[in-house]
Amino acid sequence: MNIKLIKKYKKEFDHLVEGGNVLMGKRDYNNGAVKWYPSISNPFIESSESIVVVINDEYVKYRKALAEGKELETIANHSATAVSYPSDTDSIIGLTWKPYNRDFKGLIASPRCYRIKPDENKFKVDDWVIELCPDVDDYCKPKPSGRPFQIKEVIKGNTGWLYKKEKDNYNRELFEAYLIKWKPQPGEWCLFWNKEDKHTAYLQAFDIMHEDGTFRTKNPELYYDKCMPFTSDLPPNLKNLK
């Protein structure tokens, strides 16, 4: 018996001893993914530190999700002293899903009071991003490379979200893991404008961002609501300005 594993998963071990079922998985430390093995009846004889154990009951899909690092949401009414849940006969249509606190008494309500938080794409259409190492291979250490570009298409792939630089044109799909959101850097030339001004934009060097979300340029008297990267070539008289 693996005593260390039993101590780590004492609640799951007690559940097994009392006649319940457990599910075992093995975590891949390269990417954090868990592969589940439902046919193994007693995972506590395993010696690997990558073992993950969950109780196999009506909440098993939620227990697996938590073990895989996913987030849960719940329908609950919070008061100053307690948390209450809809009964099995109460309608949940129109109720608000809230973040699940895994430290609060565990999964105690009806399974329909929980759900796995919907998978949301990190980037949206028209977001400005920078690619990390366009020519990705096994030896590549991700680092910003190339000019910023605007996302034109978002695709839900079998292994996650994918993005394209041009919609409806042939170009390779970019994995979310190899993109970062563009943020202006001090001294970077950008185009600035204000929301109420629909006909004018200004080419300025970025300085800092204020706490209210506005962008200040190298001219301390000029700041704007909106900012995007300047992706064309600068005129000769501006190229050497800092």
Protein backbone atom coordinates (compact mmCIF):
# COMPACT_ATOMS: atom_id res chain seq x y z
CA MET A 1 0.00 0.00 0.00
CA ASN A 2 1.16 3.52 -0.76
CA ILE A 3 0.89 5.21 2.67
CA LYS A 4 1.91 8.60 1.29
CA LEU A 5 -0.87 8.46 -1.30
CA ILE A 6 -3.40 7.31 1.32
CA LYS A 7 -2.57 10.31 3.52
CA LYS A 8 -2.88 12.66 0.55
CA TYR A 9 -6.29 11.25 -0.43
CA LYS A 10 -7.60 10.14 2.98
CA LYS A 11 -11.20 11.13 2.22
CA GLU A 12 -11.12 9.12 -1.02
CA PHE A 13 -9.44 6.15 0.74
CA ASP A 14 -12.06 6.14 3.52
CA HIS A 15 -14.78 6.21 0.85
CA LEU A 16 -13.20 3.15 -0.81
CA VAL A 17 -12.87 1.26 2.50
CA GLU A 18 -16.54 1.92 3.26
CA GLY A 19 -17.58 0.24 0.02
CA GLY A 20 -17.60 3.20 -2.34
CA ASN A 21 -15.85 3.55 -5.68
CA VAL A 22 -12.95 5.78 -6.65
CA LEU A 23 -11.46 6.77 -9.97
CA MET A 24 -7.74 6.99 -10.64
CA GLY A 25 -5.90 9.23 -13.06
CA LYS A 26 -2.29 9.95 -13.92
CA ARG A 27 -1.14 13.49 -14.44
CA ASP A 28 1.18 14.42 -17.29
CA TYR A 29 3.55 16.97 -15.76
CA ASN A 30 4.50 18.29 -19.20
CA ASN A 31 1.06 19.78 -19.84
CA GLY A 32 -0.96 19.11 -16.67
CA ALA A 33 -3.47 16.86 -18.46
CA VAL A 34 -4.95 13.90 -16.54
CA LYS A 35 -5.61 10.52 -18.16
CA TRP A 36 -8.29 8.57 -16.29
CA TYR A 37 -8.28 4.79 -15.71
CA PRO A 38 -11.78 3.63 -14.65
CA SER A 39 -10.81 -0.07 -14.66
CA ILE A 40 -8.36 0.19 -11.74
CA SER A 41 -10.19 -0.76 -8.52
CA ASN A 42 -7.53 0.20 -5.98
CA PRO A 43 -5.20 3.05 -6.94
CA PHE A 44 -3.62 3.15 -3.48
CA ILE A 45 -1.20 0.36 -4.41
CA GLU A 46 0.36 2.65 -7.03
CA SER A 47 3.69 4.30 -6.23
CA SER A 48 3.78 7.11 -8.78
CA GLU A 49 3.53 10.68 -7.45
CA SER A 50 1.54 11.58 -10.56
CA ILE A 51 -1.49 9.63 -9.30
CA VAL A 52 -4.76 11.56 -8.93
CA VAL A 53 -7.72 10.01 -7.07
CA VAL A 54 -11.34 11.19 -6.98
CA ILE A 55 -14.53 9.72 -5.50
CA ASN A 56 -16.59 8.05 -8.21
CA ASP A 57 -20.14 9.12 -7.38
CA GLU A 58 -22.85 11.35 -8.86
CA TYR A 59 -20.42 14.29 -8.74
CA VAL A 60 -17.58 12.47 -10.50
CA LYS A 61 -17.49 14.70 -13.60
CA TYR A 62 -17.11 17.73 -11.35
CA ARG A 63 -14.46 16.05 -9.19
CA LYS A 64 -12.52 15.17 -12.35
CA ALA A 65 -12.83 18.74 -13.60
CA LEU A 66 -11.43 20.15 -10.35
CA ALA A 67 -8.54 17.65 -10.47
CA GLU A 68 -7.81 18.77 -14.04
CA GLY A 69 -7.57 22.39 -12.92
CA LYS A 70 -10.90 23.49 -14.38
CA GLU A 71 -13.27 25.85 -12.60
CA LEU A 72 -16.79 25.09 -11.44
CA GLU A 73 -19.81 27.33 -11.13
CA THR A 74 -22.78 26.89 -8.84
CA ILE A 75 -26.30 28.18 -8.34
CA ALA A 76 -26.35 29.29 -4.72
CA ASN A 77 -27.87 32.00 -2.59
CA HIS A 78 -25.34 33.53 -0.20
CA SER A 79 -26.31 35.26 3.00
CA ALA A 80 -24.16 36.58 5.82
CA THR A 81 -24.33 33.25 7.67
CA ALA A 82 -25.18 30.49 5.21
CA VAL A 83 -25.42 29.25 1.64
CA SER A 84 -28.63 27.74 0.26
CA TYR A 85 -29.33 25.85 -2.97
CA PRO A 86 -32.44 25.20 -5.08
CA SER A 87 -34.21 21.93 -4.33
CA ASP A 88 -34.63 19.17 -6.92
CA THR A 89 -38.09 20.53 -7.76
CA ASP A 90 -37.16 24.22 -7.98
CA SER A 91 -36.69 25.75 -11.42
CA ILE A 92 -33.16 26.96 -12.16
CA ILE A 93 -34.06 28.77 -15.38
CA GLY A 94 -32.80 32.34 -15.27
CA LEU A 95 -30.75 31.86 -12.10
CA THR A 96 -27.22 33.28 -12.02
CA TRP A 97 -24.19 30.99 -12.12
CA LYS A 98 -21.50 32.03 -9.64
CA PRO A 99 -17.91 30.87 -9.02
CA TYR A 100 -17.74 27.70 -6.91
CA ASN A 101 -15.65 27.94 -3.74
CA ARG A 102 -14.00 24.55 -3.43
CA ASP A 103 -13.15 25.28 0.21
CA PHE A 104 -16.81 25.59 1.25
CA LYS A 105 -18.12 22.18 2.47
CA GLY A 106 -17.50 20.45 -0.84
CA LEU A 107 -20.16 19.27 -3.30
CA ILE A 108 -23.27 18.97 -1.14
CA ALA A 109 -26.21 20.13 -3.26
CA SER A 110 -27.97 18.37 -6.13
CA PRO A 111 -25.58 17.79 -9.07
CA ARG A 112 -27.74 20.06 -11.21
CA CYS A 113 -26.70 22.96 -8.96
CA TYR A 114 -23.16 22.77 -10.40
CA ARG A 115 -21.61 23.04 -13.82
CA ILE A 116 -18.13 23.18 -15.33
CA LYS A 117 -17.35 26.79 -16.20
CA PRO A 118 -17.85 27.20 -19.97
CA ASP A 119 -14.64 27.24 -21.98
CA GLU A 120 -14.03 30.81 -23.12
CA ASN A 121 -11.54 31.90 -25.73
CA LYS A 122 -8.77 34.12 -24.41
CA PHE A 123 -8.77 36.46 -27.41
CA LYS A 124 -11.58 38.01 -29.43
CA VAL A 125 -11.99 39.15 -33.04
CA ASP A 126 -10.19 42.49 -33.60
CA ASP A 127 -7.87 42.02 -30.59
CA TRP A 128 -4.27 43.03 -31.27
CA VAL A 129 -1.83 40.22 -30.45
CA ILE A 130 1.81 39.23 -30.94
CA GLU A 131 2.86 35.76 -31.98
CA LEU A 132 5.35 33.83 -29.86
CA CYS A 133 7.93 32.19 -32.09
CA PRO A 134 6.09 31.87 -35.43
CA ASP A 135 8.23 28.87 -36.46
CA VAL A 136 7.45 26.64 -33.49
CA ASP A 137 9.40 23.43 -32.93
CA ASP A 138 10.29 21.23 -29.96
CA TYR A 139 13.31 23.35 -29.10
CA CYS A 140 11.64 26.73 -29.32
CA LYS A 141 11.47 28.88 -26.20
CA PRO A 142 8.41 31.13 -26.59
CA LYS A 143 9.29 34.79 -26.98
CA PRO A 144 7.58 37.73 -28.70
CA SER A 145 8.37 37.76 -32.40
CA GLY A 146 7.15 39.84 -35.29
CA ARG A 147 4.81 42.80 -35.53
CA PRO A 148 1.42 42.95 -33.80
CA PHE A 149 -1.54 41.82 -35.86
CA GLN A 150 -5.29 41.86 -35.45
CA ILE A 151 -7.27 38.63 -35.05
CA LYS A 152 -9.87 38.23 -37.78
CA GLU A 153 -11.29 34.78 -37.03
CA VAL A 154 -11.72 32.63 -33.90
CA ILE A 155 -12.10 28.85 -34.30
CA LYS A 156 -13.01 26.19 -31.70
CA GLY A 157 -10.65 23.31 -32.43
CA ASN A 158 -10.51 19.78 -31.01
CA THR A 159 -7.62 20.70 -28.71
CA GLY A 160 -8.49 24.31 -27.89
CA TRP A 161 -9.06 27.71 -29.45
CA LEU A 162 -7.39 28.66 -32.74
CA TYR A 163 -7.01 32.07 -34.39
CA LYS A 164 -6.42 33.40 -37.91
CA LYS A 165 -4.92 36.65 -39.15
CA GLU A 166 -7.29 36.85 -42.12
CA LYS A 167 -10.87 35.62 -42.27
CA ASP A 168 -11.86 33.32 -45.17
CA ASN A 169 -8.33 33.36 -46.60
CA TYR A 170 -5.87 30.51 -46.47
CA ASN A 171 -3.33 31.01 -43.69
CA ARG A 172 -2.25 28.86 -40.81
CA GLU A 173 -4.26 28.65 -37.61
CA LEU A 174 -2.47 29.92 -34.52
CA PHE A 175 -2.70 28.19 -31.15
CA GLU A 176 -3.78 30.28 -28.16
CA ALA A 177 -0.70 29.16 -26.20
CA TYR A 178 1.56 30.93 -28.72
CA LEU A 179 -0.14 34.33 -28.65
CA ILE A 180 0.06 37.17 -26.17
CA LYS A 181 -2.08 40.30 -26.06
CA TRP A 182 -0.33 43.37 -27.42
CA LYS A 183 0.33 46.16 -24.93
CA PRO A 184 2.05 49.43 -25.86
CA GLN A 185 5.59 49.77 -24.56
CA PRO A 186 7.21 53.07 -23.48
CA GLY A 187 8.55 54.83 -26.56
CA GLU A 188 6.54 52.68 -28.99
CA TRP A 189 4.86 54.57 -31.83
CA CYS A 190 1.10 54.06 -31.75
CA LEU A 191 -2.10 55.51 -33.16
CA PHE A 192 -4.27 57.25 -30.55
CA TRP A 193 -7.81 58.61 -30.61
CA ASN A 194 -10.75 59.40 -28.34
CA LYS A 195 -14.11 57.64 -28.41
CA GLU A 196 -16.06 60.79 -29.20
CA ASP A 197 -13.75 61.75 -32.09
CA LYS A 198 -14.61 59.46 -35.03
CA HIS A 199 -12.62 61.29 -37.70
CA THR A 200 -9.14 61.89 -36.25
CA ALA A 201 -6.26 59.76 -34.99
CA TYR A 202 -2.79 60.84 -33.86
CA LEU A 203 0.60 59.23 -34.34
CA GLN A 204 2.46 59.59 -31.03
CA ALA A 205 5.06 57.75 -28.95
CA PHE A 206 3.47 55.98 -25.98
CA ASP A 207 4.63 56.81 -22.46
CA ILE A 208 2.47 55.33 -19.68
CA MET A 209 -1.06 54.11 -18.99
CA HIS A 210 -3.07 55.86 -16.29
CA GLU A 211 -5.03 53.97 -13.63
CA ASP A 212 -8.27 55.01 -15.33
CA GLY A 213 -7.22 53.12 -18.48
CA THR A 214 -6.28 56.14 -20.63
CA PHE A 215 -3.03 56.26 -22.60
CA ARG A 216 -0.52 59.09 -22.15
CA THR A 217 1.97 59.96 -24.85
CA LYS A 218 5.48 61.37 -24.56
CA ASN A 219 3.78 64.75 -24.59
CA PRO A 220 2.44 64.78 -20.98
CA GLU A 221 -0.49 66.98 -22.01
CA LEU A 222 -1.79 64.46 -24.54
CA TYR A 223 -3.71 61.36 -23.45
CA TYR A 224 -6.37 59.29 -25.19
CA ASP A 225 -9.06 56.65 -24.66
CA LYS A 226 -8.01 54.35 -27.50
CA CYS A 227 -4.71 53.00 -28.73
CA MET A 228 -3.54 50.59 -31.45
CA PRO A 229 -0.07 49.69 -32.74
CA PHE A 230 1.37 51.56 -35.68
CA THR A 231 2.38 48.78 -38.07
CA SER A 232 3.63 50.79 -41.05
CA ASP A 233 7.08 52.32 -41.58
CA LEU A 234 7.81 55.59 -39.82
CA PRO A 235 8.84 58.61 -41.90
CA PRO A 236 12.61 59.34 -41.84
CA ASN A 237 12.34 62.31 -39.46
CA LEU A 238 10.73 60.12 -36.75
CA LYS A 239 12.77 56.92 -36.98
CA ASN A 240 15.51 58.03 -34.57
CA LEU A 241 13.31 59.88 -32.10
CA LYS A 242 13.03 58.41 -28.59
